Amino acid sequence: MQIFGFFGSILGYLLWALFFVFKNFGVSIIFFTLVIRFIIFPFSIKQQKSMANTARLQKKQKEIREKYANNRQKANEEMQKLYQKEGVSPTGGCLTSIVPMLIMLGIFYSVAYPLTNTLHINADTVTNATSFINALPGHTVSGASGFATYEQIALVKILAESKSLVGMLFSGADVAKIEMFINGFNFAGFNLLETPSTYGFLSFYILIPVLCFVSSVGAQLVTMMINKTGQNQQGCMKFMMIALPLFSAYISFSVPAAVGFYWICSSIFSLVQAIIMGKFYGPDIMIARNEAQHVALLEINEAKVEYSYAPAHESKKKK
């Protein structure tokens, strides 16, 4: 987890810069996620190309599996030949998937640990402040529904409700940063420090987990439609496609709204990105490009062959 905290601390400088400009945590998260999407866009393009190339070869792969159904070794050899011939690496999308994942987890750690990773307040100072407030009657700093990960957001909420505690627990430049920070969590009628489960299923806050689920499922469905991978999903994969968004919705219902709002933004930008990349790097487009390149290569090779005139009647005389 330390590596994610490291990324979160670095990305926190960007989140804090955006908050300093907009003075609103919700708006900052939107632009923060958008900027990061632009940064990792080259990796996403490579990943999309890899997925499109894999989809392009599915028919040939199926033919090989059927032809060598009783000879697994031969099937693997033919698969390798196919990859070499088509210039496709079966593991080509791994690295391009790992790097964006690390960055996106870093974003999460920036949002979930705002005091240490976004405001860059000393961790010991935050720990001492938490211990002090826990010792006060009627005040307890704990992650929502037992999620210790979100203790810092809970601490920010208590500081927002009891602003006199800020000067008692922090000093110097930290006080000015925290005072500005705690006033910027109201967005579109939501207090992003509040937890939806506190208000129940009939409250306005239920929109956070609902939108979290809908945006996540929508992003997955659009991506599968663009890459034409939906028909290849097995039963367990189809189950996970619903189960994971449901789990995310449950978490977003049980933790501060700021976390769920970040997940919604991330899913929406993923959906938009999938549409854009599908327009330029979808399987059909990649197939058309490869065929055009193949034709162009044939024309180039034919142009290199030296032309020689040989009339038909001269050819018969030679015989």
C-alpha atoms as a PDB file:
ATOM      1  CA  MET A   1       0.000   0.000   0.000  1.00  0.00           C
ATOM      2  CA  GLN A   2       2.975   2.364   0.505  1.00  0.00           C
ATOM      3  CA  ILE A   3       3.558   2.652  -3.233  1.00  0.00           C
ATOM      4  CA  PHE A   4      -0.043   3.834  -3.719  1.00  0.00           C
ATOM      5  CA  GLY A   5       0.433   6.316  -0.902  1.00  0.00           C
ATOM      6  CA  PHE A   6       3.585   7.523  -2.680  1.00  0.00           C
ATOM      7  CA  PHE A   7       1.667   8.090  -5.914  1.00  0.00           C
ATOM      8  CA  GLY A   8      -1.142   9.663  -3.929  1.00  0.00           C
ATOM      9  CA  SER A   9       1.259  12.105  -2.292  1.00  0.00           C
ATOM     10  CA  ILE A  10       2.711  13.169  -5.660  1.00  0.00           C
ATOM     11  CA  LEU A  11      -0.689  13.538  -7.312  1.00  0.00           C
ATOM     12  CA  GLY A  12      -1.926  15.348  -4.229  1.00  0.00           C
ATOM     13  CA  TYR A  13       0.092  18.398  -5.275  1.00  0.00           C
ATOM     14  CA  LEU A  14      -2.012  18.588  -8.439  1.00  0.00           C
ATOM     15  CA  LEU A  15      -5.260  18.141  -6.499  1.00  0.00           C
ATOM     16  CA  TRP A  16      -4.252  20.856  -4.040  1.00  0.00           C
ATOM     17  CA  ALA A  17      -3.291  23.223  -6.889  1.00  0.00           C
ATOM     18  CA  LEU A  18      -6.720  22.707  -8.489  1.00  0.00           C
ATOM     19  CA  PHE A  19      -8.450  23.213  -5.134  1.00  0.00           C
ATOM     20  CA  PHE A  20      -6.456  26.420  -4.628  1.00  0.00           C
ATOM     21  CA  VAL A  21      -7.840  27.655  -7.975  1.00  0.00           C
ATOM     22  CA  PHE A  22     -11.476  26.487  -7.700  1.00  0.00           C
ATOM     23  CA  LYS A  23     -11.912  26.504  -3.902  1.00  0.00           C
ATOM     24  CA  ASN A  24     -14.271  23.522  -4.286  1.00  0.00           C
ATOM     25  CA  PHE A  25     -13.340  19.887  -3.748  1.00  0.00           C
ATOM     26  CA  GLY A  26     -15.994  18.509  -6.135  1.00  0.00           C
ATOM     27  CA  VAL A  27     -14.918  20.735  -9.034  1.00  0.00           C
ATOM     28  CA  SER A  28     -11.285  19.975  -8.229  1.00  0.00           C
ATOM     29  CA  ILE A  29     -11.935  16.211  -8.427  1.00  0.00           C
ATOM     30  CA  ILE A  30     -13.584  16.636 -11.855  1.00  0.00           C
ATOM     31  CA  PHE A  31     -10.647  18.549 -13.338  1.00  0.00           C
ATOM     32  CA  PHE A  32      -8.161  16.402 -11.431  1.00  0.00           C
ATOM     33  CA  THR A  33      -9.544  13.222 -12.998  1.00  0.00           C
ATOM     34  CA  LEU A  34      -9.698  14.882 -16.432  1.00  0.00           C
ATOM     35  CA  VAL A  35      -6.047  16.011 -16.288  1.00  0.00           C
ATOM     36  CA  ILE A  36      -4.910  12.544 -15.215  1.00  0.00           C
ATOM     37  CA  ARG A  37      -6.890  10.980 -18.076  1.00  0.00           C
ATOM     38  CA  PHE A  38      -4.978  13.185 -20.502  1.00  0.00           C
ATOM     39  CA  ILE A  39      -1.679  12.124 -18.919  1.00  0.00           C
ATOM     40  CA  ILE A  40      -2.397   8.396 -19.227  1.00  0.00           C
ATOM     41  CA  PHE A  41      -4.105   8.735 -22.631  1.00  0.00           C
ATOM     42  CA  PRO A  42      -1.028   7.433 -24.565  1.00  0.00           C
ATOM     43  CA  PHE A  43      -1.048   4.281 -22.417  1.00  0.00           C
ATOM     44  CA  SER A  44      -4.770   3.892 -23.013  1.00  0.00           C
ATOM     45  CA  ILE A  45      -4.243   4.138 -26.778  1.00  0.00           C
ATOM     46  CA  LYS A  46      -1.651   1.347 -26.681  1.00  0.00           C
ATOM     47  CA  GLN A  47      -3.976  -0.772 -24.551  1.00  0.00           C
ATOM     48  CA  GLN A  48      -6.865  -0.134 -26.955  1.00  0.00           C
ATOM     49  CA  LYS A  49      -4.710  -1.092 -29.937  1.00  0.00           C
ATOM     50  CA  SER A  50      -3.720  -4.298 -28.175  1.00  0.00           C
ATOM     51  CA  MET A  51      -7.382  -5.112 -27.418  1.00  0.00           C
ATOM     52  CA  ALA A  52      -8.401  -4.310 -30.991  1.00  0.00           C
ATOM     53  CA  ASN A  53      -5.644  -6.506 -32.418  1.00  0.00           C
ATOM     54  CA  THR A  54      -6.655  -9.349 -30.133  1.00  0.00           C
ATOM     55  CA  ALA A  55     -10.286  -8.994 -31.242  1.00  0.00           C
ATOM     56  CA  ARG A  56      -9.129  -8.938 -34.864  1.00  0.00           C
ATOM     57  CA  LEU A  57      -7.452 -12.331 -34.474  1.00  0.00           C
ATOM     58  CA  GLN A  58     -10.292 -14.061 -32.614  1.00  0.00           C
ATOM     59  CA  LYS A  59     -11.628 -15.819 -35.716  1.00  0.00           C
ATOM     60  CA  LYS A  60      -8.204 -17.196 -36.685  1.00  0.00           C
ATOM     61  CA  GLN A  61      -7.537 -18.230 -33.092  1.00  0.00           C
ATOM     62  CA  LYS A  62     -10.813 -20.126 -33.011  1.00  0.00           C
ATOM     63  CA  GLU A  63      -9.920 -21.935 -36.242  1.00  0.00           C
ATOM     64  CA  ILE A  64      -6.548 -22.994 -34.800  1.00  0.00           C
ATOM     65  CA  ARG A  65      -8.141 -24.274 -31.587  1.00  0.00           C
ATOM     66  CA  GLU A  66     -10.691 -26.299 -33.534  1.00  0.00           C
ATOM     67  CA  LYS A  67      -8.097 -27.680 -35.959  1.00  0.00           C
ATOM     68  CA  TYR A  68      -5.720 -28.784 -33.192  1.00  0.00           C
ATOM     69  CA  ALA A  69      -8.281 -29.557 -30.518  1.00  0.00           C
ATOM     70  CA  ASN A  70      -6.455 -32.785 -29.612  1.00  0.00           C
ATOM     71  CA  ASN A  71      -2.943 -31.387 -29.808  1.00  0.00           C
ATOM     72  CA  ARG A  72      -2.483 -28.528 -27.368  1.00  0.00           C
ATOM     73  CA  GLN A  73       1.241 -28.140 -28.014  1.00  0.00           C
ATOM     74  CA  LYS A  74       0.710 -27.797 -31.765  1.00  0.00           C
ATOM     75  CA  ALA A  75      -2.108 -25.321 -31.162  1.00  0.00           C
ATOM     76  CA  ASN A  76       0.214 -23.168 -29.022  1.00  0.00           C
ATOM     77  CA  GLU A  77       2.914 -23.304 -31.708  1.00  0.00           C
ATOM     78  CA  GLU A  78       0.450 -22.208 -34.372  1.00  0.00           C
ATOM     79  CA  MET A  79      -0.786 -19.425 -32.098  1.00  0.00           C
ATOM     80  CA  GLN A  80       2.771 -18.128 -31.721  1.00  0.00           C
ATOM     81  CA  LYS A  81       3.237 -18.241 -35.491  1.00  0.00           C
ATOM     82  CA  LEU A  82      -0.002 -16.319 -35.916  1.00  0.00           C
ATOM     83  CA  TYR A  83       1.119 -13.643 -33.438  1.00  0.00           C
ATOM     84  CA  GLN A  84       4.475 -13.303 -35.200  1.00  0.00           C
ATOM     85  CA  LYS A  85       2.879 -13.125 -38.636  1.00  0.00           C
ATOM     86  CA  GLU A  86       0.343 -10.506 -37.564  1.00  0.00           C
ATOM     87  CA  GLY A  87       2.801  -8.564 -35.402  1.00  0.00           C
ATOM     88  CA  VAL A  88       0.669  -8.904 -32.284  1.00  0.00           C
ATOM     89  CA  SER A  89       1.954  -9.529 -28.765  1.00  0.00           C
ATOM     90  CA  PRO A  90      -0.483 -11.461 -26.526  1.00  0.00           C
ATOM     91  CA  THR A  91       0.963  -9.653 -23.483  1.00  0.00           C
ATOM     92  CA  GLY A  92       1.273  -6.301 -25.204  1.00  0.00           C
ATOM     93  CA  GLY A  93      -1.432  -4.678 -23.097  1.00  0.00           C
ATOM     94  CA  CYS A  94      -0.071  -5.715 -19.689  1.00  0.00           C
ATOM     95  CA  LEU A  95       2.362  -2.852 -19.070  1.00  0.00           C
ATOM     96  CA  THR A  96      -0.020  -0.303 -20.524  1.00  0.00           C
ATOM     97  CA  SER A  97      -2.654  -1.574 -18.063  1.00  0.00           C
ATOM     98  CA  ILE A  98      -0.400  -1.570 -14.993  1.00  0.00           C
ATOM     99  CA  VAL A  99       0.861   2.013 -15.283  1.00  0.00           C
ATOM    100  CA  PRO A 100      -2.613   3.626 -15.526  1.00  0.00           C
ATOM    101  CA  MET A 101      -3.825   1.387 -12.690  1.00  0.00           C
ATOM    102  CA  LEU A 102      -1.028   2.617 -10.401  1.00  0.00           C
ATOM    103  CA  ILE A 103      -1.834   6.214 -11.288  1.00  0.00           C
ATOM    104  CA  MET A 104      -5.574   5.775 -10.768  1.00  0.00           C
ATOM    105  CA  LEU A 105      -4.982   4.126  -7.378  1.00  0.00           C
ATOM    106  CA  GLY A 106      -2.713   7.068  -6.571  1.00  0.00           C
ATOM    107  CA  ILE A 107      -5.641   9.372  -7.332  1.00  0.00           C
ATOM    108  CA  PHE A 108      -7.802   7.392  -4.928  1.00  0.00           C
ATOM    109  CA  TYR A 109      -5.201   7.766  -2.190  1.00  0.00           C
ATOM    110  CA  SER A 110      -5.078  11.521  -2.841  1.00  0.00           C
ATOM    111  CA  VAL A 111      -8.843  11.732  -2.316  1.00  0.00           C
ATOM    112  CA  ALA A 112      -9.070   9.273   0.598  1.00  0.00           C
ATOM    113  CA  TYR A 113      -6.136  10.794   2.551  1.00  0.00           C
ATOM    114  CA  PRO A 114      -6.635  14.531   2.005  1.00  0.00           C
ATOM    115  CA  LEU A 115      -4.627  15.790   4.992  1.00  0.00           C
ATOM    116  CA  THR A 116      -1.386  13.879   4.390  1.00  0.00           C
ATOM    117  CA  ASN A 117      -1.500  13.373   0.602  1.00  0.00           C
ATOM    118  CA  THR A 118      -3.287  16.515  -0.623  1.00  0.00           C
ATOM    119  CA  LEU A 119      -2.433  19.140   2.023  1.00  0.00           C
ATOM    120  CA  HIS A 120       0.830  17.321   2.828  1.00  0.00           C
ATOM    121  CA  ILE A 121       0.519  17.795   6.569  1.00  0.00           C
ATOM    122  CA  ASN A 122       2.922  15.732   8.647  1.00  0.00           C
ATOM    123  CA  ALA A 123       1.488  12.261   9.302  1.00  0.00           C
ATOM    124  CA  ASP A 124       2.427  12.383  13.008  1.00  0.00           C
ATOM    125  CA  THR A 125       0.562  15.674  13.380  1.00  0.00           C
ATOM    126  CA  VAL A 126      -2.552  14.122  11.812  1.00  0.00           C
ATOM    127  CA  THR A 127      -2.233  11.029  14.055  1.00  0.00           C
ATOM    128  CA  ASN A 128      -1.892  13.191  17.183  1.00  0.00           C
ATOM    129  CA  ALA A 129      -4.925  15.259  16.128  1.00  0.00           C
ATOM    130  CA  THR A 130      -6.950  12.078  15.636  1.00  0.00           C
ATOM    131  CA  SER A 131      -5.947  10.730  19.053  1.00  0.00           C
ATOM    132  CA  PHE A 132      -6.790  14.052  20.729  1.00  0.00           C
ATOM    133  CA  ILE A 133     -10.284  14.198  19.178  1.00  0.00           C
ATOM    134  CA  ASN A 134     -10.958  10.522  20.004  1.00  0.00           C
ATOM    135  CA  ALA A 135     -10.265  11.390  23.657  1.00  0.00           C
ATOM    136  CA  LEU A 136     -12.916  14.127  23.641  1.00  0.00           C
ATOM    137  CA  PRO A 137     -16.432  13.157  24.843  1.00  0.00           C
ATOM    138  CA  GLY A 138     -18.848  12.861  21.930  1.00  0.00           C
ATOM    139  CA  HIS A 139     -16.157  12.985  19.266  1.00  0.00           C
ATOM    140  CA  THR A 140     -14.817   9.917  17.514  1.00  0.00           C
ATOM    141  CA  VAL A 141     -12.685   9.876  14.388  1.00  0.00           C
ATOM    142  CA  SER A 142     -13.291   6.616  12.560  1.00  0.00           C
ATOM    143  CA  GLY A 143     -13.789   5.498   9.021  1.00  0.00           C
ATOM    144  CA  ALA A 144     -17.416   5.229   7.983  1.00  0.00           C
ATOM    145  CA  SER A 145     -18.933   1.814   8.711  1.00  0.00           C
ATOM    146  CA  GLY A 146     -15.584   0.615  10.014  1.00  0.00           C
ATOM    147  CA  PHE A 147     -13.541   1.625   6.952  1.00  0.00           C
ATOM    148  CA  ALA A 148     -10.353   2.906   8.585  1.00  0.00           C
ATOM    149  CA  THR A 149      -9.127   4.106   5.182  1.00  0.00           C
ATOM    150  CA  TYR A 150     -11.424   7.138   5.390  1.00  0.00           C
ATOM    151  CA  GLU A 151     -10.488   8.366   8.875  1.00  0.00           C
ATOM    152  CA  GLN A 152      -8.878  11.513   7.489  1.00  0.00           C
ATOM    153  CA  ILE A 153     -12.086  12.522   5.719  1.00  0.00           C
ATOM    154  CA  ALA A 154     -13.946  11.901   8.985  1.00  0.00           C
ATOM    155  CA  LEU A 155     -11.371  14.116  10.737  1.00  0.00           C
ATOM    156  CA  VAL A 156     -11.893  16.868   8.161  1.00  0.00           C
ATOM    157  CA  LYS A 157     -15.646  16.669   8.786  1.00  0.00           C
ATOM    158  CA  ILE A 158     -15.180  17.103  12.557  1.00  0.00           C
ATOM    159  CA  LEU A 159     -12.823  20.043  11.978  1.00  0.00           C
ATOM    160  CA  ALA A 160     -15.419  21.628   9.672  1.00  0.00           C
ATOM    161  CA  GLU A 161     -18.083  21.286  12.388  1.00  0.00           C
ATOM    162  CA  SER A 162     -15.768  22.476  15.198  1.00  0.00           C
ATOM    163  CA  LYS A 163     -13.477  24.996  13.545  1.00  0.00           C
ATOM    164  CA  SER A 164     -11.999  26.089  16.870  1.00  0.00           C
ATOM    165  CA  LEU A 165     -10.192  22.725  16.987  1.00  0.00           C
ATOM    166  CA  VAL A 166      -8.105  23.624  13.929  1.00  0.00           C
ATOM    167  CA  GLY A 167      -6.010  26.232  15.792  1.00  0.00           C
ATOM    168  CA  MET A 168      -5.647  23.898  18.780  1.00  0.00           C
ATOM    169  CA  LEU A 169      -4.423  20.873  16.833  1.00  0.00           C
ATOM    170  CA  PHE A 170      -2.434  22.435  14.015  1.00  0.00           C
ATOM    171  CA  SER A 171      -0.027  25.325  13.663  1.00  0.00           C
ATOM    172  CA  GLY A 172       1.532  27.698  11.177  1.00  0.00           C
ATOM    173  CA  ALA A 173       0.688  27.355   7.481  1.00  0.00           C
ATOM    174  CA  ASP A 174      -1.282  24.156   8.164  1.00  0.00           C
ATOM    175  CA  VAL A 175      -4.041  26.159   9.862  1.00  0.00           C
ATOM    176  CA  ALA A 176      -4.579  28.414   6.812  1.00  0.00           C
ATOM    177  CA  LYS A 177      -4.662  25.425   4.449  1.00  0.00           C
ATOM    178  CA  ILE A 178      -7.106  23.437   6.565  1.00  0.00           C
ATOM    179  CA  GLU A 179      -9.426  26.416   7.113  1.00  0.00           C
ATOM    180  CA  MET A 180      -9.644  26.970   3.345  1.00  0.00           C
ATOM    181  CA  PHE A 181      -9.997  23.243   2.702  1.00  0.00           C
ATOM    182  CA  ILE A 182     -12.885  22.535   5.093  1.00  0.00           C
ATOM    183  CA  ASN A 183     -15.021  25.235   3.459  1.00  0.00           C
ATOM    184  CA  GLY A 184     -14.903  23.673  -0.009  1.00  0.00           C
ATOM    185  CA  PHE A 185     -16.802  20.387   0.265  1.00  0.00           C
ATOM    186  CA  ASN A 186     -20.271  21.518  -0.807  1.00  0.00           C
ATOM    187  CA  PHE A 187     -20.965  20.528  -4.411  1.00  0.00           C
ATOM    188  CA  ALA A 188     -24.285  20.405  -6.325  1.00  0.00           C
ATOM    189  CA  GLY A 189     -26.257  20.248  -3.105  1.00  0.00           C
ATOM    190  CA  PHE A 190     -24.078  17.537  -1.557  1.00  0.00           C
ATOM    191  CA  ASN A 191     -21.713  17.845   1.362  1.00  0.00           C
ATOM    192  CA  LEU A 192     -18.943  15.523   0.147  1.00  0.00           C
ATOM    193  CA  LEU A 193     -17.884  14.907   3.747  1.00  0.00           C
ATOM    194  CA  GLU A 194     -21.218  13.265   4.573  1.00  0.00           C
ATOM    195  CA  THR A 195     -21.822   9.531   4.343  1.00  0.00           C
ATOM    196  CA  PRO A 196     -24.932   8.432   2.355  1.00  0.00           C
ATOM    197  CA  SER A 197     -25.729   5.615   4.786  1.00  0.00           C
ATOM    198  CA  THR A 198     -26.218   8.215   7.539  1.00  0.00           C
ATOM    199  CA  TYR A 199     -29.268   9.570   5.706  1.00  0.00           C
ATOM    200  CA  GLY A 200     -30.727   6.269   4.455  1.00  0.00           C
ATOM    201  CA  PHE A 201     -32.122   5.077   1.141  1.00  0.00           C
ATOM    202  CA  LEU A 202     -34.751   7.811   0.780  1.00  0.00           C
ATOM    203  CA  SER A 203     -32.349  10.725   0.954  1.00  0.00           C
ATOM    204  CA  PHE A 204     -30.808  12.801  -1.827  1.00  0.00           C
ATOM    205  CA  TYR A 205     -27.459  11.155  -1.020  1.00  0.00           C
ATOM    206  CA  ILE A 206     -28.646   7.810  -2.418  1.00  0.00           C
ATOM    207  CA  LEU A 207     -27.797   9.265  -5.842  1.00  0.00           C
ATOM    208  CA  ILE A 208     -24.103   8.817  -5.071  1.00  0.00           C
ATOM    209  CA  PRO A 209     -24.116   4.972  -4.884  1.00  0.00           C
ATOM    210  CA  VAL A 210     -26.753   4.737  -7.654  1.00  0.00           C
ATOM    211  CA  LEU A 211     -24.701   6.854 -10.050  1.00  0.00           C
ATOM    212  CA  CYS A 212     -21.590   4.963  -8.975  1.00  0.00           C
ATOM    213  CA  PHE A 213     -23.220   1.677 -10.049  1.00  0.00           C
ATOM    214  CA  VAL A 214     -24.801   2.991 -13.261  1.00  0.00           C
ATOM    215  CA  SER A 215     -21.657   4.770 -14.477  1.00  0.00           C
ATOM    216  CA  SER A 216     -19.469   1.742 -13.761  1.00  0.00           C
ATOM    217  CA  VAL A 217     -21.745  -0.715 -15.584  1.00  0.00           C
ATOM    218  CA  GLY A 218     -22.249   1.743 -18.438  1.00  0.00           C
ATOM    219  CA  ALA A 219     -18.513   2.206 -18.938  1.00  0.00           C
ATOM    220  CA  GLN A 220     -17.996  -1.579 -19.061  1.00  0.00           C
ATOM    221  CA  LEU A 221     -20.868  -2.173 -21.497  1.00  0.00           C
ATOM    222  CA  VAL A 222     -19.761   0.569 -23.884  1.00  0.00           C
ATOM    223  CA  THR A 223     -16.168  -0.705 -23.819  1.00  0.00           C
ATOM    224  CA  MET A 224     -17.309  -4.266 -24.590  1.00  0.00           C
ATOM    225  CA  MET A 225     -19.591  -3.101 -27.387  1.00  0.00           C
ATOM    226  CA  ILE A 226     -16.812  -1.074 -28.993  1.00  0.00           C
ATOM    227  CA  ASN A 227     -14.263  -3.887 -28.722  1.00  0.00           C
ATOM    228  CA  LYS A 228     -16.834  -6.600 -29.548  1.00  0.00           C
ATOM    229  CA  THR A 229     -15.866  -8.694 -26.536  1.00  0.00           C
ATOM    230  CA  GLY A 230     -19.328  -9.077 -24.990  1.00  0.00           C
ATOM    231  CA  GLN A 231     -20.134 -12.297 -26.860  1.00  0.00           C
ATOM    232  CA  ASN A 232     -16.986 -13.932 -25.446  1.00  0.00           C
ATOM    233  CA  GLN A 233     -17.841 -13.244 -21.804  1.00  0.00           C
ATOM    234  CA  GLN A 234     -18.237 -16.400 -19.751  1.00  0.00           C
ATOM    235  CA  GLY A 235     -20.860 -16.756 -17.042  1.00  0.00           C
ATOM    236  CA  CYS A 236     -18.485 -15.863 -14.196  1.00  0.00           C
ATOM    237  CA  MET A 237     -17.215 -12.801 -16.088  1.00  0.00           C
ATOM    238  CA  LYS A 238     -20.746 -11.572 -16.692  1.00  0.00           C
ATOM    239  CA  PHE A 239     -21.431 -12.035 -12.984  1.00  0.00           C
ATOM    240  CA  MET A 240     -18.314 -10.030 -12.053  1.00  0.00           C
ATOM    241  CA  MET A 241     -19.336  -7.268 -14.451  1.00  0.00           C
ATOM    242  CA  ILE A 242     -22.368  -6.669 -12.225  1.00  0.00           C
ATOM    243  CA  ALA A 243     -20.930  -7.799  -8.891  1.00  0.00           C
ATOM    244  CA  LEU A 244     -17.985  -5.378  -8.849  1.00  0.00           C
ATOM    245  CA  PRO A 245     -20.112  -2.267  -9.572  1.00  0.00           C
ATOM    246  CA  LEU A 246     -22.582  -3.451  -6.919  1.00  0.00           C
ATOM    247  CA  PHE A 247     -19.743  -3.764  -4.432  1.00  0.00           C
ATOM    248  CA  SER A 248     -18.507  -0.293  -5.397  1.00  0.00           C
ATOM    249  CA  ALA A 249     -22.019   1.062  -4.891  1.00  0.00           C
ATOM    250  CA  TYR A 250     -22.166  -0.547  -1.450  1.00  0.00           C
ATOM    251  CA  ILE A 251     -18.810   0.981  -0.505  1.00  0.00           C
ATOM    252  CA  SER A 252     -19.822   4.416  -1.802  1.00  0.00           C
ATOM    253  CA  PHE A 253     -23.013   4.145   0.301  1.00  0.00           C
ATOM    254  CA  SER A 254     -20.937   3.414   3.389  1.00  0.00           C
ATOM    255  CA  VAL A 255     -18.089   5.939   3.036  1.00  0.00           C
ATOM    256  CA  PRO A 256     -17.901   9.743   2.645  1.00  0.00           C
ATOM    257  CA  ALA A 257     -19.521  11.026  -0.557  1.00  0.00           C
ATOM    258  CA  ALA A 258     -16.191  12.451  -1.790  1.00  0.00           C
ATOM    259  CA  VAL A 259     -14.930   8.928  -2.509  1.00  0.00           C
ATOM    260  CA  GLY A 260     -18.081   7.869  -4.380  1.00  0.00           C
ATOM    261  CA  PHE A 261     -18.041  11.130  -6.333  1.00  0.00           C
ATOM    262  CA  TYR A 262     -14.477  10.425  -7.459  1.00  0.00           C
ATOM    263  CA  TRP A 263     -15.506   6.925  -8.630  1.00  0.00           C
ATOM    264  CA  ILE A 264     -18.409   8.412 -10.599  1.00  0.00           C
ATOM    265  CA  CYS A 265     -16.111  10.937 -12.303  1.00  0.00           C
ATOM    266  CA  SER A 266     -13.591   8.213 -13.083  1.00  0.00           C
ATOM    267  CA  SER A 267     -16.240   5.933 -14.636  1.00  0.00           C
ATOM    268  CA  ILE A 268     -17.766   8.734 -16.713  1.00  0.00           C
ATOM    269  CA  PHE A 269     -14.386   9.786 -18.104  1.00  0.00           C
ATOM    270  CA  SER A 270     -13.595   6.113 -18.797  1.00  0.00           C
ATOM    271  CA  LEU A 271     -16.814   5.856 -20.798  1.00  0.00           C
ATOM    272  CA  VAL A 272     -16.043   8.995 -22.818  1.00  0.00           C
ATOM    273  CA  GLN A 273     -12.484   7.811 -23.400  1.00  0.00           C
ATOM    274  CA  ALA A 274     -13.722   4.407 -24.615  1.00  0.00           C
ATOM    275  CA  ILE A 275     -16.039   6.100 -27.127  1.00  0.00           C
ATOM    276  CA  ILE A 276     -13.254   8.353 -28.434  1.00  0.00           C
ATOM    277  CA  MET A 277     -10.733   5.541 -28.769  1.00  0.00           C
ATOM    278  CA  GLY A 278     -13.312   3.222 -30.297  1.00  0.00           C
ATOM    279  CA  LYS A 279     -13.881   5.827 -32.991  1.00  0.00           C
ATOM    280  CA  PHE A 280     -10.203   5.787 -33.961  1.00  0.00           C
ATOM    281  CA  TYR A 281      -8.920   2.422 -32.740  1.00  0.00           C
ATOM    282  CA  GLY A 282     -11.906   0.051 -32.811  1.00  0.00           C
ATOM    283  CA  PRO A 283     -11.497  -3.520 -34.151  1.00  0.00           C
ATOM    284  CA  ASP A 284     -13.192  -2.741 -37.502  1.00  0.00           C
ATOM    285  CA  ILE A 285     -11.058   0.339 -38.011  1.00  0.00           C
ATOM    286  CA  MET A 286      -7.885  -1.550 -37.076  1.00  0.00           C
ATOM    287  CA  ILE A 287      -8.777  -4.349 -39.523  1.00  0.00           C
ATOM    288  CA  ALA A 288      -9.379  -1.812 -42.300  1.00  0.00           C
ATOM    289  CA  ARG A 289      -6.065  -0.104 -41.544  1.00  0.00           C
ATOM    290  CA  ASN A 290      -4.176  -3.387 -41.522  1.00  0.00           C
ATOM    291  CA  GLU A 291      -5.713  -4.403 -44.844  1.00  0.00           C
ATOM    292  CA  ALA A 292      -4.821  -1.016 -46.326  1.00  0.00           C
ATOM    293  CA  GLN A 293      -1.247  -1.402 -45.065  1.00  0.00           C
ATOM    294  CA  HIS A 294      -1.115  -4.908 -46.528  1.00  0.00           C
ATOM    295  CA  VAL A 295      -2.253  -3.645 -49.940  1.00  0.00           C
ATOM    296  CA  ALA A 296       0.215  -0.755 -49.784  1.00  0.00           C
ATOM    297  CA  LEU A 297       3.032  -3.175 -48.913  1.00  0.00           C
ATOM    298  CA  LEU A 298       2.147  -5.392 -51.885  1.00  0.00           C
ATOM    299  CA  GLU A 299       2.217  -2.382 -54.193  1.00  0.00           C
ATOM    300  CA  ILE A 300       5.609  -1.326 -52.839  1.00  0.00           C
ATOM    301  CA  ASN A 301       7.035  -4.830 -53.315  1.00  0.00           C
ATOM    302  CA  GLU A 302       5.615  -5.042 -56.855  1.00  0.00           C
ATOM    303  CA  ALA A 303       7.181  -1.695 -57.699  1.00  0.00           C
ATOM    304  CA  LYS A 304      10.586  -3.064 -56.697  1.00  0.00           C
ATOM    305  CA  VAL A 305      10.350  -5.912 -59.246  1.00  0.00           C
ATOM    306  CA  GLU A 306      12.142  -4.987 -62.453  1.00  0.00           C
ATOM    307  CA  TYR A 307       9.768  -4.857 -65.421  1.00  0.00           C
ATOM    308  CA  SER A 308      10.635  -6.985 -68.485  1.00  0.00           C
ATOM    309  CA  TYR A 309       8.650  -7.135 -71.728  1.00  0.00           C
ATOM    310  CA  ALA A 310       8.045 -10.648 -73.024  1.00  0.00           C
ATOM    311  CA  PRO A 311       5.506 -10.898 -75.914  1.00  0.00           C
ATOM    312  CA  ALA A 312       3.496 -14.115 -76.035  1.00  0.00           C
ATOM    313  CA  HIS A 313       4.718 -15.170 -79.537  1.00  0.00           C
ATOM    314  CA  GLU A 314       8.385 -14.858 -78.492  1.00  0.00           C
ATOM    315  CA  SER A 315       7.720 -17.047 -75.509  1.00  0.00           C
ATOM    316  CA  LYS A 316       6.259 -19.759 -77.815  1.00  0.00           C
ATOM    317  CA  LYS A 317       9.331 -19.611 -80.136  1.00  0.00           C
ATOM    318  CA  LYS A 318      11.675 -20.161 -77.224  1.00  0.00           C
ATOM    319  CA  LYS A 319       9.750 -23.272 -76.315  1.00  0.00           C
END
